[in-house]
N, C-alpha and C. Protein backbone atom coordinates (compact mmCIF):
# COMPACT_ATOMS: atom_id res chain seq x y z
N MET A 1 -39.50 40.79 -13.94
CA MET A 1 -39.75 41.23 -12.58
C MET A 1 -41.19 41.71 -12.50
N ASN A 2 -41.85 41.21 -11.51
CA ASN A 2 -43.26 41.55 -11.31
C ASN A 2 -43.33 42.64 -10.25
N THR A 3 -43.77 43.83 -10.64
CA THR A 3 -43.86 44.94 -9.67
C THR A 3 -45.25 45.55 -9.74
N SER A 4 -45.60 46.12 -8.63
CA SER A 4 -46.84 46.91 -8.59
C SER A 4 -46.50 48.25 -7.97
N ARG A 5 -47.25 49.26 -8.38
CA ARG A 5 -46.98 50.61 -7.86
C ARG A 5 -48.11 51.03 -6.94
N ARG A 6 -47.70 51.75 -5.89
CA ARG A 6 -48.72 52.31 -5.00
C ARG A 6 -48.23 53.66 -4.49
N LEU A 7 -49.13 54.45 -4.13
CA LEU A 7 -48.85 55.81 -3.65
C LEU A 7 -48.81 55.81 -2.14
N THR A 8 -47.84 56.51 -1.58
CA THR A 8 -47.78 56.65 -0.12
C THR A 8 -48.44 57.96 0.27
N LYS A 9 -48.50 58.24 1.58
CA LYS A 9 -49.15 59.45 2.08
C LYS A 9 -48.44 60.70 1.60
N LYS A 10 -47.18 60.63 1.35
CA LYS A 10 -46.43 61.81 0.94
C LYS A 10 -46.41 61.94 -0.57
N GLY A 11 -47.05 61.06 -1.28
CA GLY A 11 -47.13 61.16 -2.72
C GLY A 11 -46.02 60.47 -3.47
N LEU A 12 -45.24 59.69 -2.78
CA LEU A 12 -44.17 58.97 -3.44
C LEU A 12 -44.69 57.66 -3.99
N ILE A 13 -44.08 57.27 -5.08
CA ILE A 13 -44.44 55.98 -5.66
C ILE A 13 -43.45 54.94 -5.14
N VAL A 14 -43.97 53.88 -4.57
CA VAL A 14 -43.16 52.79 -4.04
C VAL A 14 -43.45 51.53 -4.86
N ARG A 15 -42.39 50.86 -5.22
CA ARG A 15 -42.58 49.62 -5.98
C ARG A 15 -42.44 48.42 -5.03
N ASP A 16 -43.35 47.51 -5.11
CA ASP A 16 -43.26 46.25 -4.37
C ASP A 16 -42.72 45.20 -5.34
N GLU A 17 -41.45 44.79 -5.10
CA GLU A 17 -40.83 43.82 -6.00
C GLU A 17 -41.16 42.41 -5.54
N LYS A 18 -41.44 41.54 -6.49
CA LYS A 18 -41.70 40.14 -6.21
C LYS A 18 -40.88 39.33 -7.20
N GLY A 19 -40.21 38.24 -6.70
CA GLY A 19 -39.41 37.39 -7.57
C GLY A 19 -37.96 37.85 -7.59
N THR A 20 -37.18 37.24 -8.49
CA THR A 20 -35.76 37.58 -8.60
C THR A 20 -35.45 38.04 -10.01
N THR A 21 -34.38 38.76 -10.11
CA THR A 21 -33.97 39.24 -11.42
C THR A 21 -33.04 38.21 -12.07
N VAL A 22 -32.79 38.35 -13.34
CA VAL A 22 -31.90 37.46 -14.07
C VAL A 22 -30.47 37.59 -13.52
N VAL A 23 -30.06 38.78 -13.17
CA VAL A 23 -28.72 39.01 -12.63
C VAL A 23 -28.56 38.27 -11.31
N GLU A 24 -29.55 38.36 -10.45
CA GLU A 24 -29.47 37.65 -9.18
C GLU A 24 -29.40 36.13 -9.38
N LEU A 25 -30.15 35.63 -10.33
CA LEU A 25 -30.13 34.21 -10.63
C LEU A 25 -28.77 33.77 -11.17
N LEU A 26 -28.17 34.56 -12.05
CA LEU A 26 -26.85 34.24 -12.59
C LEU A 26 -25.77 34.28 -11.51
N VAL A 27 -25.84 35.23 -10.61
CA VAL A 27 -24.87 35.32 -9.52
C VAL A 27 -24.99 34.10 -8.60
N ALA A 28 -26.21 33.69 -8.28
CA ALA A 28 -26.43 32.52 -7.43
C ALA A 28 -25.90 31.25 -8.11
N MET A 29 -26.11 31.13 -9.41
CA MET A 29 -25.61 29.96 -10.14
C MET A 29 -24.08 29.95 -10.18
N ALA A 30 -23.47 31.10 -10.38
CA ALA A 30 -22.01 31.18 -10.43
C ALA A 30 -21.40 30.78 -9.08
N ILE A 31 -21.99 31.25 -8.01
CA ILE A 31 -21.51 30.90 -6.67
C ILE A 31 -21.67 29.39 -6.44
N SER A 32 -22.79 28.83 -6.86
CA SER A 32 -23.02 27.39 -6.71
C SER A 32 -22.00 26.57 -7.49
N VAL A 33 -21.68 27.00 -8.71
CA VAL A 33 -20.70 26.29 -9.53
C VAL A 33 -19.32 26.34 -8.87
N ILE A 34 -18.93 27.48 -8.34
CA ILE A 34 -17.63 27.62 -7.68
C ILE A 34 -17.55 26.72 -6.44
N VAL A 35 -18.59 26.72 -5.62
CA VAL A 35 -18.62 25.88 -4.42
C VAL A 35 -18.57 24.40 -4.80
N PHE A 36 -19.36 24.00 -5.81
CA PHE A 36 -19.36 22.62 -6.26
C PHE A 36 -17.99 22.21 -6.80
N GLY A 37 -17.33 23.09 -7.53
CA GLY A 37 -15.99 22.81 -8.06
C GLY A 37 -14.97 22.62 -6.96
N VAL A 38 -15.02 23.46 -5.93
CA VAL A 38 -14.09 23.34 -4.81
C VAL A 38 -14.32 22.03 -4.06
N ILE A 39 -15.56 21.68 -3.81
CA ILE A 39 -15.88 20.45 -3.09
C ILE A 39 -15.46 19.22 -3.91
N THR A 40 -15.73 19.24 -5.20
CA THR A 40 -15.35 18.11 -6.06
C THR A 40 -13.84 17.93 -6.10
N THR A 41 -13.11 19.02 -6.24
CA THR A 41 -11.65 18.95 -6.25
C THR A 41 -11.12 18.40 -4.93
N ALA A 42 -11.68 18.84 -3.84
CA ALA A 42 -11.24 18.35 -2.53
C ALA A 42 -11.51 16.84 -2.38
N LEU A 43 -12.66 16.38 -2.83
CA LEU A 43 -12.98 14.95 -2.73
C LEU A 43 -12.07 14.11 -3.61
N VAL A 44 -11.79 14.56 -4.82
CA VAL A 44 -10.90 13.82 -5.72
C VAL A 44 -9.50 13.75 -5.11
N GLN A 45 -8.99 14.85 -4.59
CA GLN A 45 -7.67 14.86 -3.96
C GLN A 45 -7.63 13.94 -2.74
N PHE A 46 -8.69 13.94 -1.97
CA PHE A 46 -8.76 13.07 -0.79
C PHE A 46 -8.69 11.60 -1.20
N MET A 47 -9.42 11.22 -2.25
CA MET A 47 -9.42 9.84 -2.71
C MET A 47 -8.06 9.44 -3.27
N LEU A 48 -7.41 10.33 -4.02
CA LEU A 48 -6.10 10.02 -4.58
C LEU A 48 -5.04 9.87 -3.49
N VAL A 49 -5.05 10.75 -2.51
CA VAL A 49 -4.08 10.68 -1.42
C VAL A 49 -4.32 9.43 -0.58
N THR A 50 -5.57 9.07 -0.36
CA THR A 50 -5.89 7.87 0.40
C THR A 50 -5.41 6.63 -0.33
N ARG A 51 -5.63 6.54 -1.65
CA ARG A 51 -5.18 5.39 -2.43
C ARG A 51 -3.66 5.29 -2.39
N TRP A 52 -2.97 6.42 -2.56
CA TRP A 52 -1.51 6.45 -2.52
C TRP A 52 -1.02 6.03 -1.14
N GLY A 53 -1.64 6.56 -0.09
CA GLY A 53 -1.24 6.23 1.28
C GLY A 53 -1.45 4.76 1.59
N ASN A 54 -2.56 4.19 1.12
CA ASN A 54 -2.81 2.77 1.35
C ASN A 54 -1.76 1.91 0.66
N SER A 55 -1.38 2.27 -0.56
CA SER A 55 -0.35 1.51 -1.28
C SER A 55 0.98 1.60 -0.53
N GLN A 56 1.35 2.78 -0.09
CA GLN A 56 2.59 2.95 0.66
C GLN A 56 2.57 2.13 1.95
N LEU A 57 1.45 2.13 2.62
CA LEU A 57 1.31 1.39 3.87
C LEU A 57 1.42 -0.11 3.64
N GLN A 58 0.77 -0.62 2.58
CA GLN A 58 0.84 -2.05 2.27
C GLN A 58 2.27 -2.48 1.97
N ILE A 59 2.96 -1.69 1.17
CA ILE A 59 4.34 -2.02 0.81
C ILE A 59 5.25 -2.00 2.04
N SER A 60 5.15 -0.96 2.83
CA SER A 60 5.98 -0.87 4.04
C SER A 60 5.70 -2.02 5.00
N ASN A 61 4.43 -2.37 5.14
CA ASN A 61 4.05 -3.48 6.01
C ASN A 61 4.63 -4.79 5.49
N ASP A 62 4.55 -5.03 4.18
CA ASP A 62 5.13 -6.24 3.59
C ASP A 62 6.62 -6.35 3.90
N LEU A 63 7.34 -5.29 3.66
CA LEU A 63 8.79 -5.32 3.85
C LEU A 63 9.15 -5.48 5.33
N GLN A 64 8.38 -4.88 6.20
CA GLN A 64 8.65 -4.99 7.63
C GLN A 64 8.41 -6.43 8.12
N ILE A 65 7.30 -7.03 7.71
CA ILE A 65 7.00 -8.40 8.14
C ILE A 65 8.04 -9.37 7.58
N ALA A 66 8.40 -9.21 6.31
CA ALA A 66 9.43 -10.08 5.71
C ALA A 66 10.74 -9.93 6.47
N SER A 67 11.09 -8.71 6.83
CA SER A 67 12.33 -8.46 7.56
C SER A 67 12.32 -9.15 8.92
N ILE A 68 11.20 -9.12 9.59
CA ILE A 68 11.10 -9.76 10.91
C ILE A 68 11.28 -11.27 10.80
N TRP A 69 10.55 -11.91 9.87
CA TRP A 69 10.66 -13.36 9.72
C TRP A 69 12.04 -13.79 9.24
N LEU A 70 12.56 -13.11 8.24
CA LEU A 70 13.88 -13.46 7.72
C LEU A 70 14.96 -13.27 8.78
N GLY A 71 14.88 -12.19 9.54
CA GLY A 71 15.85 -11.93 10.60
C GLY A 71 15.80 -12.99 11.67
N ARG A 72 14.60 -13.37 12.06
CA ARG A 72 14.43 -14.40 13.08
C ARG A 72 15.01 -15.73 12.60
N ASP A 73 14.65 -16.10 11.36
CA ASP A 73 15.11 -17.39 10.83
C ASP A 73 16.62 -17.40 10.59
N ALA A 74 17.17 -16.30 10.11
CA ALA A 74 18.62 -16.23 9.86
C ALA A 74 19.41 -16.36 11.16
N LEU A 75 18.93 -15.74 12.23
CA LEU A 75 19.62 -15.84 13.52
C LEU A 75 19.63 -17.26 14.06
N GLU A 76 18.62 -18.04 13.75
CA GLU A 76 18.52 -19.42 14.22
C GLU A 76 19.29 -20.38 13.32
N SER A 77 19.61 -19.97 12.11
CA SER A 77 20.21 -20.86 11.11
C SER A 77 21.72 -20.70 11.05
N SER A 78 22.37 -21.79 10.61
CA SER A 78 23.82 -21.72 10.47
C SER A 78 24.26 -21.78 9.01
N SER A 79 23.32 -22.13 8.10
CA SER A 79 23.68 -22.20 6.68
C SER A 79 22.47 -21.94 5.81
N PHE A 80 22.75 -21.63 4.55
CA PHE A 80 21.70 -21.40 3.56
C PHE A 80 21.98 -22.30 2.36
N THR A 81 20.96 -23.05 1.95
CA THR A 81 21.06 -23.91 0.77
C THR A 81 20.20 -23.30 -0.33
N PRO A 82 20.81 -22.87 -1.45
CA PRO A 82 20.01 -22.28 -2.54
C PRO A 82 19.01 -23.29 -3.09
N GLY A 83 17.87 -22.78 -3.53
CA GLY A 83 16.83 -23.63 -4.10
C GLY A 83 16.83 -23.56 -5.61
N ALA A 84 15.84 -24.19 -6.21
CA ALA A 84 15.68 -24.19 -7.66
C ALA A 84 14.21 -23.95 -7.99
N GLY A 85 13.97 -23.44 -9.18
CA GLY A 85 12.59 -23.16 -9.60
C GLY A 85 12.01 -22.03 -8.78
N SER A 86 10.82 -22.27 -8.22
CA SER A 86 10.17 -21.22 -7.43
C SER A 86 10.68 -21.17 -5.99
N GLU A 87 11.59 -22.07 -5.62
CA GLU A 87 12.16 -22.07 -4.27
C GLU A 87 13.43 -21.22 -4.26
N TYR A 88 13.47 -20.26 -3.35
CA TYR A 88 14.66 -19.41 -3.22
C TYR A 88 15.77 -20.14 -2.49
N GLY A 89 15.39 -20.91 -1.48
CA GLY A 89 16.39 -21.63 -0.72
C GLY A 89 15.91 -21.95 0.68
N THR A 90 16.79 -22.62 1.43
CA THR A 90 16.44 -23.09 2.76
C THR A 90 17.49 -22.64 3.77
N LEU A 91 17.01 -22.10 4.87
CA LEU A 91 17.87 -21.77 6.01
C LEU A 91 17.85 -22.99 6.92
N ASN A 92 19.04 -23.49 7.28
CA ASN A 92 19.16 -24.75 8.04
C ASN A 92 19.71 -24.50 9.44
N TRP A 93 19.16 -25.22 10.41
CA TRP A 93 19.71 -25.22 11.76
C TRP A 93 21.00 -26.01 11.74
N PRO A 94 21.86 -25.80 12.74
CA PRO A 94 23.15 -26.52 12.77
C PRO A 94 23.00 -28.04 12.68
N ASP A 95 21.99 -28.62 13.34
CA ASP A 95 21.81 -30.07 13.31
C ASP A 95 20.82 -30.51 12.22
N SER A 96 20.35 -29.57 11.39
CA SER A 96 19.41 -29.82 10.29
C SER A 96 18.06 -30.36 10.74
N SER A 97 17.74 -30.28 12.04
CA SER A 97 16.43 -30.74 12.49
C SER A 97 15.33 -29.75 12.11
N TYR A 98 15.69 -28.48 12.01
CA TYR A 98 14.73 -27.44 11.61
C TYR A 98 15.24 -26.76 10.36
N GLN A 99 14.31 -26.46 9.48
CA GLN A 99 14.64 -25.73 8.26
C GLN A 99 13.55 -24.71 7.99
N PHE A 100 13.94 -23.64 7.29
CA PHE A 100 13.00 -22.61 6.89
C PHE A 100 13.13 -22.44 5.39
N LEU A 101 12.14 -22.95 4.65
CA LEU A 101 12.17 -22.91 3.20
C LEU A 101 11.42 -21.67 2.71
N TYR A 102 12.08 -20.87 1.89
CA TYR A 102 11.45 -19.68 1.31
C TYR A 102 11.22 -19.92 -0.18
N SER A 103 10.01 -19.60 -0.64
CA SER A 103 9.66 -19.82 -2.04
C SER A 103 8.73 -18.72 -2.52
N TYR A 104 8.45 -18.75 -3.83
CA TYR A 104 7.55 -17.77 -4.45
C TYR A 104 6.27 -18.48 -4.86
N ASP A 105 5.13 -17.89 -4.52
CA ASP A 105 3.83 -18.41 -4.94
C ASP A 105 3.32 -17.51 -6.07
N PRO A 106 3.39 -17.99 -7.33
CA PRO A 106 3.00 -17.14 -8.46
C PRO A 106 1.50 -16.86 -8.52
N VAL A 107 0.68 -17.74 -7.96
CA VAL A 107 -0.77 -17.54 -7.98
C VAL A 107 -1.16 -16.37 -7.08
N GLU A 108 -0.61 -16.35 -5.87
CA GLU A 108 -0.92 -15.30 -4.90
C GLU A 108 0.02 -14.10 -5.01
N GLY A 109 1.18 -14.28 -5.65
CA GLY A 109 2.17 -13.21 -5.73
C GLY A 109 2.76 -12.90 -4.37
N THR A 110 3.18 -13.96 -3.66
CA THR A 110 3.69 -13.78 -2.30
C THR A 110 5.01 -14.52 -2.08
N LEU A 111 5.75 -14.03 -1.10
CA LEU A 111 6.93 -14.72 -0.59
C LEU A 111 6.44 -15.64 0.53
N VAL A 112 6.67 -16.93 0.39
CA VAL A 112 6.13 -17.92 1.31
C VAL A 112 7.25 -18.52 2.16
N ARG A 113 6.96 -18.70 3.45
CA ARG A 113 7.90 -19.32 4.39
C ARG A 113 7.28 -20.61 4.89
N GLN A 114 8.05 -21.70 4.80
CA GLN A 114 7.62 -22.97 5.36
C GLN A 114 8.58 -23.37 6.47
N PHE A 115 8.03 -23.73 7.61
CA PHE A 115 8.82 -24.24 8.72
C PHE A 115 8.77 -25.75 8.64
N ILE A 116 9.96 -26.36 8.54
CA ILE A 116 10.06 -27.81 8.37
C ILE A 116 10.82 -28.39 9.57
N GLU A 117 10.20 -29.38 10.21
CA GLU A 117 10.83 -30.06 11.34
C GLU A 117 11.00 -31.54 10.99
N ASP A 118 12.23 -32.01 11.04
CA ASP A 118 12.56 -33.39 10.71
C ASP A 118 11.96 -33.83 9.38
N GLY A 119 12.02 -32.94 8.37
CA GLY A 119 11.55 -33.26 7.03
C GLY A 119 10.06 -33.12 6.81
N VAL A 120 9.30 -32.72 7.84
CA VAL A 120 7.85 -32.58 7.73
C VAL A 120 7.47 -31.10 7.85
N VAL A 121 6.68 -30.60 6.89
CA VAL A 121 6.24 -29.20 6.93
C VAL A 121 5.30 -29.01 8.10
N GLN A 122 5.65 -28.08 8.99
CA GLN A 122 4.84 -27.80 10.17
C GLN A 122 3.88 -26.63 9.93
N THR A 123 4.41 -25.55 9.36
CA THR A 123 3.57 -24.37 9.09
C THR A 123 3.99 -23.75 7.76
N THR A 124 3.03 -23.10 7.13
CA THR A 124 3.26 -22.35 5.90
C THR A 124 2.57 -21.01 6.05
N LEU A 125 3.30 -19.94 5.76
CA LEU A 125 2.68 -18.61 5.82
C LEU A 125 3.31 -17.67 4.80
N SER A 126 2.52 -16.69 4.40
CA SER A 126 3.01 -15.66 3.48
C SER A 126 3.66 -14.57 4.30
N VAL A 127 4.91 -14.28 4.00
CA VAL A 127 5.61 -13.24 4.76
C VAL A 127 5.66 -11.92 4.01
N ALA A 128 5.37 -11.92 2.71
CA ALA A 128 5.31 -10.67 1.95
C ALA A 128 4.35 -10.85 0.78
N ARG A 129 3.39 -9.97 0.71
CA ARG A 129 2.46 -9.96 -0.42
C ARG A 129 2.99 -8.94 -1.44
N HIS A 130 2.28 -8.76 -2.50
CA HIS A 130 2.60 -7.75 -3.50
C HIS A 130 3.98 -7.96 -4.15
N ILE A 131 4.35 -9.23 -4.32
CA ILE A 131 5.57 -9.57 -5.05
C ILE A 131 5.13 -9.91 -6.47
N THR A 132 5.46 -9.05 -7.41
CA THR A 132 4.93 -9.17 -8.77
C THR A 132 5.44 -10.41 -9.49
N ASN A 133 6.73 -10.68 -9.41
CA ASN A 133 7.26 -11.89 -10.05
C ASN A 133 8.42 -12.44 -9.22
N GLN A 134 8.85 -13.64 -9.58
CA GLN A 134 9.85 -14.36 -8.78
C GLN A 134 11.17 -13.60 -8.66
N THR A 135 11.53 -12.85 -9.67
CA THR A 135 12.81 -12.12 -9.64
C THR A 135 12.79 -10.90 -8.74
N ASP A 136 11.64 -10.60 -8.14
CA ASP A 136 11.55 -9.47 -7.21
C ASP A 136 12.14 -9.79 -5.85
N VAL A 137 12.50 -11.06 -5.62
CA VAL A 137 13.15 -11.46 -4.37
C VAL A 137 14.43 -12.21 -4.74
N VAL A 138 15.55 -11.79 -4.15
CA VAL A 138 16.84 -12.43 -4.44
C VAL A 138 17.55 -12.72 -3.12
N PHE A 139 17.92 -13.98 -2.92
CA PHE A 139 18.69 -14.40 -1.75
C PHE A 139 20.14 -14.59 -2.17
N SER A 140 21.07 -14.14 -1.34
CA SER A 140 22.49 -14.41 -1.58
C SER A 140 23.20 -14.50 -0.24
N VAL A 141 24.28 -15.30 -0.21
CA VAL A 141 25.03 -15.51 1.02
C VAL A 141 26.50 -15.23 0.76
N SER A 142 27.10 -14.54 1.71
CA SER A 142 28.54 -14.30 1.68
C SER A 142 29.05 -14.60 3.09
N GLY A 143 29.68 -15.76 3.24
CA GLY A 143 30.12 -16.18 4.58
C GLY A 143 28.91 -16.45 5.45
N LYS A 144 28.81 -15.74 6.55
CA LYS A 144 27.66 -15.87 7.45
C LYS A 144 26.67 -14.71 7.31
N LEU A 145 26.78 -13.97 6.23
CA LEU A 145 25.90 -12.84 5.98
C LEU A 145 24.89 -13.20 4.90
N LEU A 146 23.60 -13.21 5.26
CA LEU A 146 22.51 -13.47 4.32
C LEU A 146 21.97 -12.13 3.85
N THR A 147 21.92 -11.94 2.54
CA THR A 147 21.36 -10.72 1.96
C THR A 147 20.12 -11.08 1.16
N VAL A 148 19.03 -10.39 1.43
CA VAL A 148 17.77 -10.61 0.72
C VAL A 148 17.32 -9.27 0.16
N SER A 149 17.15 -9.24 -1.16
CA SER A 149 16.64 -8.04 -1.84
C SER A 149 15.19 -8.29 -2.22
N ILE A 150 14.30 -7.39 -1.80
CA ILE A 150 12.87 -7.56 -2.05
C ILE A 150 12.32 -6.29 -2.70
N THR A 151 11.55 -6.47 -3.76
CA THR A 151 10.82 -5.37 -4.40
C THR A 151 9.34 -5.67 -4.26
N SER A 152 8.62 -4.78 -3.59
CA SER A 152 7.18 -4.94 -3.38
C SER A 152 6.44 -3.85 -4.16
N THR A 153 5.36 -4.25 -4.85
CA THR A 153 4.62 -3.30 -5.68
C THR A 153 3.13 -3.39 -5.36
N SER A 154 2.53 -2.23 -5.08
CA SER A 154 1.10 -2.15 -4.84
C SER A 154 0.57 -0.94 -5.60
N GLY A 155 -0.34 -1.19 -6.52
CA GLY A 155 -0.85 -0.09 -7.36
C GLY A 155 0.28 0.48 -8.19
N ASP A 156 0.45 1.79 -8.15
CA ASP A 156 1.53 2.46 -8.89
C ASP A 156 2.79 2.63 -8.03
N GLU A 157 2.74 2.17 -6.80
CA GLU A 157 3.86 2.37 -5.88
C GLU A 157 4.74 1.13 -5.80
N THR A 158 6.05 1.34 -5.81
CA THR A 158 7.02 0.26 -5.70
C THR A 158 8.09 0.67 -4.70
N LYS A 159 8.49 -0.28 -3.86
CA LYS A 159 9.54 0.00 -2.88
C LYS A 159 10.52 -1.17 -2.86
N TYR A 160 11.78 -0.86 -2.76
CA TYR A 160 12.85 -1.85 -2.77
C TYR A 160 13.56 -1.83 -1.43
N ALA A 161 13.87 -3.02 -0.92
CA ALA A 161 14.62 -3.12 0.34
C ALA A 161 15.73 -4.14 0.17
N ASN A 162 16.89 -3.80 0.67
CA ASN A 162 18.04 -4.71 0.67
C ASN A 162 18.33 -5.03 2.13
N LEU A 163 17.94 -6.24 2.55
CA LEU A 163 18.03 -6.64 3.95
C LEU A 163 19.24 -7.54 4.15
N GLN A 164 19.98 -7.32 5.25
CA GLN A 164 21.14 -8.14 5.55
C GLN A 164 21.01 -8.70 6.96
N PHE A 165 21.31 -10.01 7.09
CA PHE A 165 21.18 -10.70 8.35
C PHE A 165 22.42 -11.56 8.61
N ALA A 166 22.86 -11.59 9.85
CA ALA A 166 23.98 -12.46 10.23
C ALA A 166 23.40 -13.79 10.67
N MET A 167 23.95 -14.87 10.13
CA MET A 167 23.53 -16.21 10.52
C MET A 167 24.37 -16.67 11.70
N ARG A 168 23.84 -17.62 12.41
CA ARG A 168 24.49 -18.17 13.60
C ARG A 168 25.80 -18.86 13.21
N ALA A 169 26.81 -18.65 14.04
CA ALA A 169 28.08 -19.35 13.83
C ALA A 169 27.92 -20.78 14.30
N ARG A 170 28.57 -21.69 13.67
CA ARG A 170 28.43 -23.12 14.02
C ARG A 170 29.03 -23.42 15.33
């Protein structure tokens, strides 16, 4: 600490302090470390919650879109023909003019829907992403009830849905 002494009119000695003391410097550093720690913790928590939330949102979106397409196709179909290999099966219209083929794309990891009219593929689209392997989707039929079990995985998050749809009576 750099000080100088001077005398006042009443004879008192007054010190003029210049600079900071070691104690003041240590207190300022401690406060800075605490503030930096709190900010860092908050940022890390924000990033982790955002990543978790995005994974949950992707999975929920996948299952919702798959449910919409499968429900729509099942209501229009009167029968289900099981497939082989990467094909889960085909939902057929009563007169077989329209079909909806569901399969697994191992490259993209998606559940794929093909709309087929009179034996010709009209459209192909992915109805669920984040399908890790072919066994994550299972189609089964009992009478006119189509049951589809789907497991979707994004990051560390996994969600399972067991969807049931009534098919059209002939």
